[in-house]
N, C-alpha and C. Protein backbone atom coordinates (compact mmCIF):
# COMPACT_ATOMS: atom_id res chain seq x y z
N MET A 1 69.60 16.06 -179.42
CA MET A 1 70.37 16.68 -180.83
C MET A 1 70.92 15.27 -181.02
N TRP A 2 71.31 15.81 -182.67
CA TRP A 2 71.99 14.45 -183.32
C TRP A 2 72.85 14.02 -183.66
N ASP A 3 73.11 12.71 -182.67
CA ASP A 3 74.45 11.59 -182.33
C ASP A 3 73.92 10.58 -183.01
N GLU A 4 75.43 10.26 -183.95
CA GLU A 4 75.52 8.57 -184.62
C GLU A 4 76.88 8.58 -185.07
N ILE A 5 77.35 7.69 -185.12
CA ILE A 5 78.41 7.01 -185.74
C ILE A 5 78.80 7.51 -186.98
N LEU A 6 79.93 8.52 -187.41
CA LEU A 6 79.78 8.66 -189.18
C LEU A 6 81.21 8.32 -189.51
N ASP A 7 81.14 8.07 -190.95
CA ASP A 7 82.29 7.40 -191.17
C ASP A 7 83.60 9.29 -192.01
N SER A 8 84.30 8.84 -192.21
CA SER A 8 85.36 10.10 -192.65
C SER A 8 84.88 10.86 -193.87
N ASP A 9 83.79 10.41 -194.25
CA ASP A 9 83.53 11.12 -195.81
C ASP A 9 82.83 12.17 -195.57
N GLY A 10 82.06 12.56 -193.98
CA GLY A 10 81.13 12.51 -193.86
C GLY A 10 79.48 12.31 -193.93
N ALA A 11 79.32 11.25 -194.38
CA ALA A 11 78.04 10.62 -194.84
C ALA A 11 77.10 10.85 -193.62
N GLY A 12 76.07 11.08 -193.76
CA GLY A 12 75.20 11.59 -192.37
C GLY A 12 74.89 12.42 -192.01
N TRP A 13 75.79 13.62 -191.96
CA TRP A 13 76.23 14.80 -191.48
C TRP A 13 75.16 15.93 -191.92
N PRO A 14 74.17 16.18 -191.25
CA PRO A 14 73.02 17.08 -191.36
C PRO A 14 73.60 18.31 -192.35
N ALA A 15 72.37 18.82 -193.28
CA ALA A 15 73.03 19.29 -193.96
C ALA A 15 72.73 21.07 -193.77
N ASP A 16 72.29 21.14 -192.53
CA ASP A 16 71.99 22.78 -191.94
C ASP A 16 73.22 22.46 -190.84
N GLU A 17 73.93 21.34 -190.19
CA GLU A 17 74.75 21.31 -189.15
C GLU A 17 76.02 21.32 -189.68
N GLY A 18 76.06 21.36 -191.04
CA GLY A 18 77.81 20.83 -191.44
C GLY A 18 78.44 21.63 -190.99
N ASP A 19 78.53 23.00 -191.25
CA ASP A 19 79.26 24.05 -190.74
C ASP A 19 79.34 24.38 -189.21
N GLU A 20 78.39 24.03 -188.03
CA GLU A 20 78.56 23.96 -187.00
C GLU A 20 79.72 23.68 -186.16
N ASP A 21 80.68 23.93 -185.30
CA ASP A 21 81.65 22.92 -184.31
C ASP A 21 80.89 22.45 -183.50
N ALA A 22 81.35 21.28 -183.29
CA ALA A 22 80.62 20.31 -182.66
C ALA A 22 81.68 19.28 -181.87
N TYR A 23 81.79 18.87 -180.40
CA TYR A 23 82.75 17.74 -180.23
C TYR A 23 82.74 16.23 -181.09
N ALA A 24 83.86 15.83 -180.93
CA ALA A 24 83.79 14.78 -181.19
C ALA A 24 84.65 13.66 -180.62
N GLN A 25 83.87 12.35 -180.60
CA GLN A 25 84.59 11.32 -180.10
C GLN A 25 85.12 10.32 -181.11
N VAL A 26 86.56 9.80 -181.65
CA VAL A 26 87.00 9.82 -182.86
C VAL A 26 87.58 8.23 -182.39
N ILE A 27 87.68 7.46 -183.09
CA ILE A 27 87.75 5.80 -183.03
C ILE A 27 88.54 5.79 -184.43
N LEU A 28 90.29 5.59 -184.56
CA LEU A 28 90.83 5.12 -185.16
C LEU A 28 91.46 3.76 -185.24
N THR A 29 91.37 2.67 -186.35
CA THR A 29 91.21 1.17 -185.86
C THR A 29 92.59 1.25 -186.67
N VAL A 30 93.45 0.05 -186.02
CA VAL A 30 94.77 -0.02 -186.74
C VAL A 30 93.94 -1.43 -187.62
N GLN A 31 95.17 -1.13 -188.96
CA GLN A 31 94.67 -1.85 -190.05
C GLN A 31 94.63 -3.76 -189.43
N GLY A 32 93.48 -4.28 -190.27
CA GLY A 32 93.52 -5.82 -189.71
C GLY A 32 92.58 -5.80 -188.73
N HIS A 33 92.48 -4.74 -187.60
CA HIS A 33 92.36 -5.13 -186.07
C HIS A 33 93.48 -5.65 -185.78
N ALA A 34 94.31 -5.69 -185.84
CA ALA A 34 95.66 -6.53 -185.51
C ALA A 34 95.85 -5.70 -184.05
N PRO A 35 96.04 -6.42 -182.67
CA PRO A 35 96.29 -6.37 -181.44
C PRO A 35 97.91 -5.53 -181.92
N LEU A 36 98.10 -4.51 -182.47
CA LEU A 36 99.61 -3.36 -182.65
C LEU A 36 100.00 -3.22 -181.18
N PHE A 37 99.07 -2.38 -180.50
CA PHE A 37 99.19 -1.88 -180.17
C PHE A 37 99.48 -2.42 -178.49
N GLY A 38 99.41 -3.70 -178.19
CA GLY A 38 99.42 -4.36 -177.72
C GLY A 38 100.54 -4.35 -176.57
N SER A 39 101.79 -4.17 -177.44
CA SER A 39 102.90 -3.71 -177.64
C SER A 39 103.50 -2.50 -176.81
N ALA A 40 104.12 -2.68 -175.57
CA ALA A 40 103.97 -1.49 -174.47
C ALA A 40 104.89 -0.60 -176.14
N ARG A 41 106.16 -0.99 -176.43
CA ARG A 41 107.04 0.30 -176.89
C ARG A 41 106.14 1.03 -178.38
N LEU A 42 105.05 0.08 -178.98
CA LEU A 42 104.51 0.98 -179.70
C LEU A 42 103.33 1.83 -178.96
N ALA A 43 102.80 1.05 -178.31
CA ALA A 43 101.72 1.56 -177.61
C ALA A 43 102.25 3.39 -177.16
N ARG A 44 103.54 3.41 -176.41
CA ARG A 44 104.23 4.51 -176.06
C ARG A 44 104.38 5.19 -177.32
N ARG A 45 104.84 5.04 -178.47
CA ARG A 45 105.08 5.70 -179.80
C ARG A 45 103.81 6.29 -180.08
N ALA A 46 102.94 5.06 -180.28
CA ALA A 46 101.54 6.30 -180.71
C ALA A 46 100.89 7.37 -179.51
N LEU A 47 101.19 6.74 -178.52
CA LEU A 47 101.19 7.66 -177.43
C LEU A 47 102.05 9.07 -177.34
N ASP A 48 103.20 9.17 -178.11
CA ASP A 48 103.89 10.36 -177.73
C ASP A 48 103.62 11.24 -179.36
N ALA A 49 103.22 10.19 -180.42
CA ALA A 49 102.55 11.17 -181.43
C ALA A 49 101.41 11.58 -181.31
N ILE A 50 100.55 11.22 -180.85
CA ILE A 50 99.56 12.00 -180.22
C ILE A 50 99.80 13.15 -179.33
N THR A 51 100.36 13.20 -178.35
CA THR A 51 101.12 13.98 -177.08
C THR A 51 101.24 15.18 -178.78
N ALA A 52 102.30 15.00 -179.58
CA ALA A 52 102.63 15.83 -179.98
C ALA A 52 101.65 16.40 -180.97
N CYS A 53 101.00 15.58 -181.21
CA CYS A 53 100.04 16.90 -182.40
C CYS A 53 99.01 17.44 -181.46
N ALA A 54 98.92 17.54 -180.10
CA ALA A 54 97.42 17.73 -179.24
C ALA A 54 97.88 19.37 -179.71
N PRO A 55 99.30 20.11 -179.42
CA PRO A 55 98.83 21.50 -179.54
C PRO A 55 98.04 21.98 -180.82
N GLY A 56 97.90 20.89 -181.98
CA GLY A 56 97.21 21.38 -183.23
C GLY A 56 96.26 21.02 -183.48
N ALA A 57 95.48 20.70 -182.27
CA ALA A 57 93.69 20.14 -182.26
C ALA A 57 92.90 20.99 -182.59
N PRO A 58 91.58 21.27 -183.07
CA PRO A 58 91.16 22.07 -183.04
C PRO A 58 89.97 21.90 -182.25
N GLY A 59 89.95 23.34 -181.71
CA GLY A 59 89.37 23.19 -180.34
C GLY A 59 90.32 22.90 -179.01
N GLN A 60 90.03 21.69 -178.80
CA GLN A 60 91.27 21.17 -177.98
C GLN A 60 90.96 19.46 -177.50
N LEU A 61 92.67 19.15 -177.49
CA LEU A 61 92.33 17.70 -177.62
C LEU A 61 91.65 17.14 -175.97
N TRP A 62 90.71 16.90 -175.45
CA TRP A 62 90.64 16.39 -174.28
C TRP A 62 91.10 15.37 -173.89
N GLY A 63 91.00 14.09 -174.43
CA GLY A 63 91.59 13.26 -174.00
C GLY A 63 91.87 11.84 -175.11
N ALA A 64 92.43 10.89 -174.66
CA ALA A 64 92.74 10.02 -175.35
C ALA A 64 93.47 8.70 -174.86
N VAL A 65 93.11 7.70 -175.80
CA VAL A 65 93.43 6.24 -175.27
C VAL A 65 93.82 5.78 -175.84
N VAL A 66 94.84 4.91 -175.82
CA VAL A 66 95.64 3.70 -177.15
C VAL A 66 95.28 2.14 -176.39
N LEU A 67 94.47 1.63 -177.34
CA LEU A 67 94.17 0.32 -176.85
C LEU A 67 95.02 -0.56 -177.44
N PRO A 68 94.95 -1.88 -177.83
CA PRO A 68 95.59 -2.59 -178.41
C PRO A 68 95.15 -2.73 -179.81
N GLU A 69 93.76 -2.40 -180.25
CA GLU A 69 93.99 -2.33 -181.79
C GLU A 69 92.80 -0.85 -182.26
N THR A 70 92.73 0.08 -181.71
CA THR A 70 92.21 0.69 -181.47
C THR A 70 93.28 2.40 -180.91
N VAL A 71 92.90 3.17 -180.88
CA VAL A 71 92.55 5.26 -180.73
C VAL A 71 91.74 5.33 -180.43
N ARG A 72 91.61 6.24 -179.52
CA ARG A 72 90.26 6.56 -179.41
C ARG A 72 90.56 8.30 -178.77
N LEU A 73 89.78 9.32 -179.22
CA LEU A 73 90.27 10.74 -178.97
C LEU A 73 88.68 11.05 -178.98
N VAL A 74 88.82 12.41 -177.80
CA VAL A 74 88.22 13.26 -177.77
C VAL A 74 88.55 14.63 -177.90
N ILE A 75 87.76 15.54 -178.92
CA ILE A 75 88.04 16.67 -179.49
C ILE A 75 87.24 17.58 -179.69
N GLY A 76 87.50 19.10 -179.88
CA GLY A 76 86.81 19.77 -180.06
C GLY A 76 86.29 20.94 -179.21
N PRO A 77 85.63 21.57 -179.38
CA PRO A 77 84.69 21.64 -180.57
C PRO A 77 85.73 22.28 -181.70
N ALA A 78 84.83 21.62 -183.26
CA ALA A 78 85.71 21.85 -183.90
C ALA A 78 84.92 21.76 -185.39
N GLY A 79 85.07 21.84 -186.42
CA GLY A 79 84.71 22.24 -187.63
C GLY A 79 84.81 20.47 -188.68
N VAL A 80 83.85 20.22 -189.78
CA VAL A 80 84.30 18.92 -189.97
C VAL A 80 85.68 18.70 -190.89
N ASP A 81 86.28 19.83 -191.33
CA ASP A 81 87.53 19.97 -191.98
C ASP A 81 88.25 19.71 -191.28
N ALA A 82 88.36 20.72 -190.29
CA ALA A 82 89.28 20.58 -189.09
C ALA A 82 89.61 19.39 -188.90
N LEU A 83 88.72 18.84 -188.16
CA LEU A 83 88.74 17.72 -187.56
C LEU A 83 89.23 16.94 -188.64
N ASP A 84 88.93 16.45 -190.17
CA ASP A 84 89.87 15.26 -191.01
C ASP A 84 90.92 15.66 -190.73
N GLN A 85 91.50 17.04 -190.99
CA GLN A 85 92.97 17.27 -190.90
C GLN A 85 93.70 16.92 -189.92
N PHE A 86 93.17 17.16 -188.72
CA PHE A 86 93.69 17.08 -187.05
C PHE A 86 93.78 15.68 -187.33
N ILE A 87 92.81 14.35 -187.97
CA ILE A 87 93.03 13.21 -187.46
C ILE A 87 93.78 12.72 -189.03
N GLU A 88 94.44 13.20 -189.74
CA GLU A 88 95.24 12.68 -190.86
C GLU A 88 96.44 13.09 -190.33
N ALA A 89 96.55 14.46 -189.24
CA ALA A 89 98.05 14.63 -188.95
C ALA A 89 98.50 13.71 -187.91
N VAL A 90 97.52 13.10 -187.41
CA VAL A 90 97.66 12.22 -186.14
C VAL A 90 98.01 10.42 -186.46
N LYS A 91 97.13 10.46 -187.54
CA LYS A 91 97.41 9.41 -188.54
C LYS A 91 98.85 9.03 -188.95
N ALA A 92 98.92 10.22 -189.73
CA ALA A 92 100.32 10.05 -190.17
C ALA A 92 101.61 10.12 -189.37
N GLN A 93 101.55 11.08 -187.93
CA GLN A 93 102.99 11.02 -187.12
C GLN A 93 102.87 9.78 -186.47
N SER A 94 101.92 9.31 -186.36
CA SER A 94 102.14 7.91 -185.38
C SER A 94 102.16 6.99 -186.56
N SER A 95 101.95 6.91 -187.39
CA SER A 95 102.37 5.86 -188.11
C SER A 95 104.06 5.98 -188.69
N THR A 96 104.51 7.09 -188.80
CA THR A 96 106.18 7.05 -189.04
C THR A 96 106.22 6.68 -187.56
N ARG A 97 106.26 7.56 -186.41
CA ARG A 97 106.73 6.75 -184.84
C ARG A 97 106.51 5.15 -185.06
N VAL A 98 105.20 5.17 -185.12
CA VAL A 98 105.14 3.18 -185.12
C VAL A 98 105.86 2.06 -186.18
N LEU A 99 106.01 2.90 -187.49
CA LEU A 99 106.81 1.98 -188.35
C LEU A 99 108.19 2.38 -188.17
N SER A 100 108.70 3.31 -187.87
CA SER A 100 110.25 3.23 -187.31
C SER A 100 110.49 2.59 -186.27
N ALA A 101 109.84 2.34 -185.32
CA ALA A 101 110.09 1.27 -184.26
C ALA A 101 109.79 0.07 -184.74
N ILE A 102 109.04 -0.59 -185.40
CA ILE A 102 108.70 -1.65 -185.92
C ILE A 102 110.16 -2.01 -187.01
N ARG A 103 110.59 -1.20 -187.45
CA ARG A 103 111.85 -1.92 -188.62
C ARG A 103 112.99 -1.99 -187.78
N GLN A 104 113.17 -1.15 -186.55
CA GLN A 104 114.03 -1.41 -185.84
C GLN A 104 114.00 -2.61 -185.10
N ALA A 105 113.00 -3.58 -184.68
CA ALA A 105 112.75 -4.48 -184.22
C ALA A 105 113.18 -5.93 -184.76
N ASP A 106 113.30 -6.75 -184.15
CA ASP A 106 113.84 -7.87 -184.83
C ASP A 106 113.19 -8.85 -184.09
N ASP A 107 112.01 -8.81 -184.60
CA ASP A 107 110.37 -9.85 -184.51
C ASP A 107 109.27 -9.70 -185.70
N ASP A 108 108.39 -10.11 -185.39
CA ASP A 108 107.66 -10.06 -186.60
C ASP A 108 106.08 -9.43 -187.01
N THR A 109 106.59 -8.26 -185.79
CA THR A 109 105.48 -7.39 -185.73
C THR A 109 105.23 -6.50 -187.83
N LEU A 110 106.20 -6.45 -188.08
CA LEU A 110 106.51 -6.03 -189.73
C LEU A 110 105.34 -6.82 -190.36
N ASP A 111 105.15 -8.07 -190.02
CA ASP A 111 104.00 -8.59 -190.57
C ASP A 111 102.64 -8.00 -190.83
N VAL A 112 102.26 -7.89 -189.80
CA VAL A 112 101.00 -6.73 -189.51
C VAL A 112 100.77 -5.73 -190.28
N VAL A 113 101.85 -4.82 -190.35
CA VAL A 113 101.93 -3.77 -191.32
C VAL A 113 102.17 -3.94 -192.74
N LEU A 114 102.36 -4.94 -193.06
CA LEU A 114 103.43 -5.09 -194.22
C LEU A 114 101.91 -5.61 -195.30
N ARG A 115 101.91 -5.24 -196.61
CA ARG A 115 100.79 -5.51 -197.24
C ARG A 115 101.43 -5.24 -198.54
N TYR A 116 101.13 -6.89 -199.45
CA TYR A 116 101.94 -6.72 -200.75
C TYR A 116 100.65 -6.49 -202.17
N SER A 117 101.32 -5.18 -202.86
CA SER A 117 100.58 -4.80 -204.15
C SER A 117 100.93 -4.90 -205.13
N PRO A 118 101.18 -5.67 -206.15
CA PRO A 118 101.68 -5.14 -207.62
C PRO A 118 101.17 -4.42 -207.94
N VAL A 119 100.05 -3.90 -207.63
CA VAL A 119 99.59 -2.62 -208.64
C VAL A 119 100.06 -1.24 -208.07
N TRP A 120 100.04 -1.27 -206.42
CA TRP A 120 100.54 0.03 -206.16
C TRP A 120 102.07 -0.09 -205.74
N GLY A 121 102.72 -0.76 -206.46
CA GLY A 121 104.19 -0.65 -206.35
C GLY A 121 104.81 -1.88 -205.12
N GLY A 122 104.03 -2.63 -205.21
CA GLY A 122 104.98 -3.55 -204.23
C GLY A 122 104.17 -3.37 -202.77
N ALA A 123 105.70 -3.27 -202.05
CA ALA A 123 105.09 -3.75 -200.54
C ALA A 123 104.79 -2.13 -200.09
N LEU A 124 103.65 -2.06 -199.24
CA LEU A 124 103.36 -1.31 -198.56
C LEU A 124 103.19 -1.32 -197.26
N TYR A 125 103.34 -0.29 -196.16
CA TYR A 125 103.46 -0.51 -194.88
C TYR A 125 102.16 0.62 -194.40
N GLN A 126 100.85 -0.09 -193.90
CA GLN A 126 99.94 0.68 -193.28
C GLN A 126 99.54 0.47 -191.99
N VAL A 127 99.86 1.25 -190.98
CA VAL A 127 98.96 1.35 -189.55
C VAL A 127 97.51 0.95 -189.39
N TRP A 128 97.11 1.93 -190.15
CA TRP A 128 95.57 2.51 -189.86
C TRP A 128 94.87 1.81 -191.00
N GLN A 129 93.74 1.46 -190.86
CA GLN A 129 92.80 1.52 -191.90
C GLN A 129 92.09 3.00 -192.24
N THR A 130 91.89 2.40 -193.63
CA THR A 130 91.23 3.57 -194.20
C THR A 130 89.96 4.32 -192.97
N GLY A 131 90.30 5.74 -193.48
CA GLY A 131 88.87 6.60 -192.79
C GLY A 131 89.01 6.29 -191.11
N TYR A 132 88.12 6.64 -190.34
CA TYR A 132 88.17 6.63 -189.07
C TYR A 132 86.38 6.89 -188.54
N HIS A 133 86.09 6.46 -187.59
CA HIS A 133 84.59 6.56 -187.24
C HIS A 133 84.76 7.93 -185.81
N ARG A 134 83.77 8.75 -186.03
CA ARG A 134 83.35 9.68 -185.40
C ARG A 134 82.08 9.69 -184.68
N GLN A 135 81.93 9.92 -183.56
CA GLN A 135 80.56 10.39 -182.61
C GLN A 135 80.16 12.15 -182.69
N LEU A 136 79.69 12.71 -183.18
CA LEU A 136 79.66 13.86 -182.81
C LEU A 136 78.35 14.68 -181.76
N PHE A 137 78.57 15.26 -180.95
CA PHE A 137 77.51 15.74 -180.12
C PHE A 137 77.91 17.56 -179.68
N TRP A 138 76.97 18.07 -179.15
CA TRP A 138 77.25 19.53 -178.95
C TRP A 138 77.16 19.91 -177.64
N THR A 139 76.95 19.51 -176.96
CA THR A 139 76.54 20.07 -175.39
C THR A 139 78.26 19.44 -173.93
N GLU A 140 77.99 20.15 -173.72
CA GLU A 140 79.13 19.86 -172.57
C GLU A 140 78.84 18.85 -171.62
N TYR A 141 77.74 18.03 -171.36
CA TYR A 141 77.48 17.38 -170.67
C TYR A 141 77.36 15.80 -171.64
N LYS A 142 77.07 15.78 -173.13
CA LYS A 142 77.68 14.82 -173.78
C LYS A 142 79.38 14.27 -173.80
N LEU A 143 80.00 15.82 -173.79
CA LEU A 143 81.30 16.01 -173.87
C LEU A 143 81.95 14.94 -172.41
N SER A 144 81.59 15.64 -171.10
CA SER A 144 81.68 14.55 -170.37
C SER A 144 81.39 13.34 -170.18
N ASN A 145 80.24 12.89 -170.41
CA ASN A 145 79.80 11.55 -170.62
C ASN A 145 81.22 10.69 -171.93
N ALA A 146 81.52 11.45 -172.63
CA ALA A 146 82.23 10.82 -173.49
C ALA A 146 83.46 10.75 -172.86
N LEU A 147 84.09 11.55 -172.14
CA LEU A 147 85.54 11.66 -171.48
C LEU A 147 85.29 10.87 -170.27
N TYR A 148 84.22 10.37 -169.38
CA TYR A 148 84.14 8.96 -168.70
C TYR A 148 84.03 8.04 -169.81
N GLU A 149 83.65 8.00 -170.77
CA GLU A 149 83.76 6.31 -171.37
C GLU A 149 85.13 6.27 -171.72
N LEU A 150 85.52 6.96 -172.43
CA LEU A 150 87.51 7.17 -172.60
C LEU A 150 87.83 7.17 -171.67
N ALA A 151 87.74 7.17 -170.42
CA ALA A 151 88.44 6.61 -169.32
C ALA A 151 88.38 5.42 -169.13
N ARG A 152 87.27 4.77 -169.23
CA ARG A 152 86.58 3.50 -168.65
C ARG A 152 87.38 2.70 -169.72
N ALA A 153 87.12 2.69 -171.11
CA ALA A 153 87.78 2.08 -172.17
C ALA A 153 88.57 1.05 -171.75
N PRO A 154 89.75 1.23 -170.81
CA PRO A 154 90.79 -0.18 -170.98
C PRO A 154 90.16 -1.03 -169.57
N VAL A 155 89.35 -0.42 -168.85
CA VAL A 155 88.61 -1.42 -167.65
C VAL A 155 87.53 -2.28 -168.30
N GLU A 156 87.10 -1.68 -169.32
CA GLU A 156 85.86 -2.44 -169.77
C GLU A 156 86.60 -3.22 -170.94
N ALA A 157 87.41 -3.03 -171.66
CA ALA A 157 88.01 -4.01 -172.58
C ALA A 157 88.54 -5.52 -171.54
N GLY A 158 88.86 -4.73 -170.12
CA GLY A 158 89.56 -5.62 -169.18
C GLY A 158 90.91 -5.80 -169.22
N LEU A 159 91.81 -5.07 -169.68
CA LEU A 159 93.20 -4.48 -169.74
C LEU A 159 93.51 -4.22 -168.27
N VAL A 160 92.78 -3.43 -167.62
CA VAL A 160 93.47 -3.11 -166.33
C VAL A 160 92.06 -3.50 -165.67
N ALA A 161 92.09 -3.14 -163.87
CA ALA A 161 91.03 -3.60 -163.15
C ALA A 161 90.68 -1.69 -162.22
N ASP A 162 91.74 -1.17 -162.89
CA ASP A 162 91.90 0.54 -162.28
C ASP A 162 92.11 1.53 -163.37
N LEU A 163 91.48 2.49 -163.17
CA LEU A 163 91.64 3.64 -164.23
C LEU A 163 92.87 3.83 -164.04
N ASP A 164 93.27 3.94 -163.12
CA ASP A 164 95.14 4.86 -163.28
C ASP A 164 95.96 3.54 -163.47
N ASP A 165 95.35 2.68 -163.81
CA ASP A 165 97.00 1.51 -163.48
C ASP A 165 96.88 1.65 -165.68
N TRP A 166 96.30 2.40 -166.13
CA TRP A 166 96.77 2.36 -167.87
C TRP A 166 97.43 3.20 -167.98
N PRO A 167 98.67 3.41 -168.67
CA PRO A 167 99.58 4.00 -169.07
C PRO A 167 99.60 4.66 -170.28
N TYR A 168 98.79 3.89 -171.11
CA TYR A 168 98.53 4.63 -172.48
C TYR A 168 97.46 5.68 -173.08
N ARG A 169 97.58 6.95 -171.95
CA ARG A 169 96.07 7.71 -172.48
C ARG A 169 96.75 9.07 -172.06
N TYR A 170 95.67 10.43 -172.81
CA TYR A 170 96.17 11.09 -172.88
C TYR A 170 95.31 12.32 -172.33
N GLN A 171 95.27 13.02 -171.21
CA GLN A 171 94.30 13.68 -170.18
C GLN A 171 95.10 14.76 -169.55
N ASP A 172 93.96 15.94 -169.49
CA ASP A 172 94.51 17.40 -169.11
C ASP A 172 95.79 17.64 -169.34
N GLY A 173 96.11 17.71 -171.02
CA GLY A 173 97.11 18.53 -171.47
C GLY A 173 98.21 18.28 -171.60
N GLU A 174 98.30 16.69 -170.90
CA GLU A 174 99.73 15.75 -171.10
C GLU A 174 99.61 13.91 -171.26
N ALA A 175 100.13 13.29 -171.18
CA ALA A 175 100.14 12.32 -171.62
C ALA A 175 100.27 11.21 -169.90
N ALA A 176 99.32 10.50 -169.70
CA ALA A 176 99.47 9.95 -168.48
C ALA A 176 100.43 9.31 -168.16
N ILE A 177 101.65 9.18 -167.33
CA ILE A 177 102.33 8.10 -166.91
C ILE A 177 102.02 7.19 -165.74
N GLY A 178 102.07 5.92 -166.04
CA GLY A 178 101.65 5.09 -164.98
C GLY A 178 102.54 3.89 -165.15
N PRO A 179 101.80 2.68 -163.81
CA PRO A 179 102.98 1.69 -164.48
C PRO A 179 102.23 0.86 -165.44
N PRO A 180 103.22 0.20 -166.21
CA PRO A 180 102.66 -0.69 -167.14
C PRO A 180 101.77 -1.97 -166.83
N PRO A 181 100.64 -2.00 -167.50
CA PRO A 181 99.84 -3.04 -167.41
C PRO A 181 100.40 -4.42 -167.02
């Protein structure tokens, strides 16, 4: 089957499979690849937003993990339009929660999300880069592999030694509660 990472505008989506529902592994990247979610309070806010959005996921939200620079999700089966709408909802919800926590803090975190543009009206606060990356697949075997890779992501990144030690993940319909790393 056809698998490749696609950007959010659907480039590369096969014309004959554009309407077919598929599972998707999605990667959202923090603006400027900043390790924003290296902060426990911000990672928890992002995870709370994902958990709040999960009931609206097209198909099912199979799993999610919040890493310092990215959020990864496995969703589906869904069509491209439903997937785009869900991702935009997750980005909006998480941005609202994370920016609220950043504004309440008395630290330099605001510098990570602050951009200045006189053209667009001055100060802009942006948590996420524009768009997202997705990898599509159509079989339960590939879904199983994607979930395994998702669970292994914190270990592969060297953040924890054991899968169960990473507290910022969503699986089996709920946020996993574990000890902070």
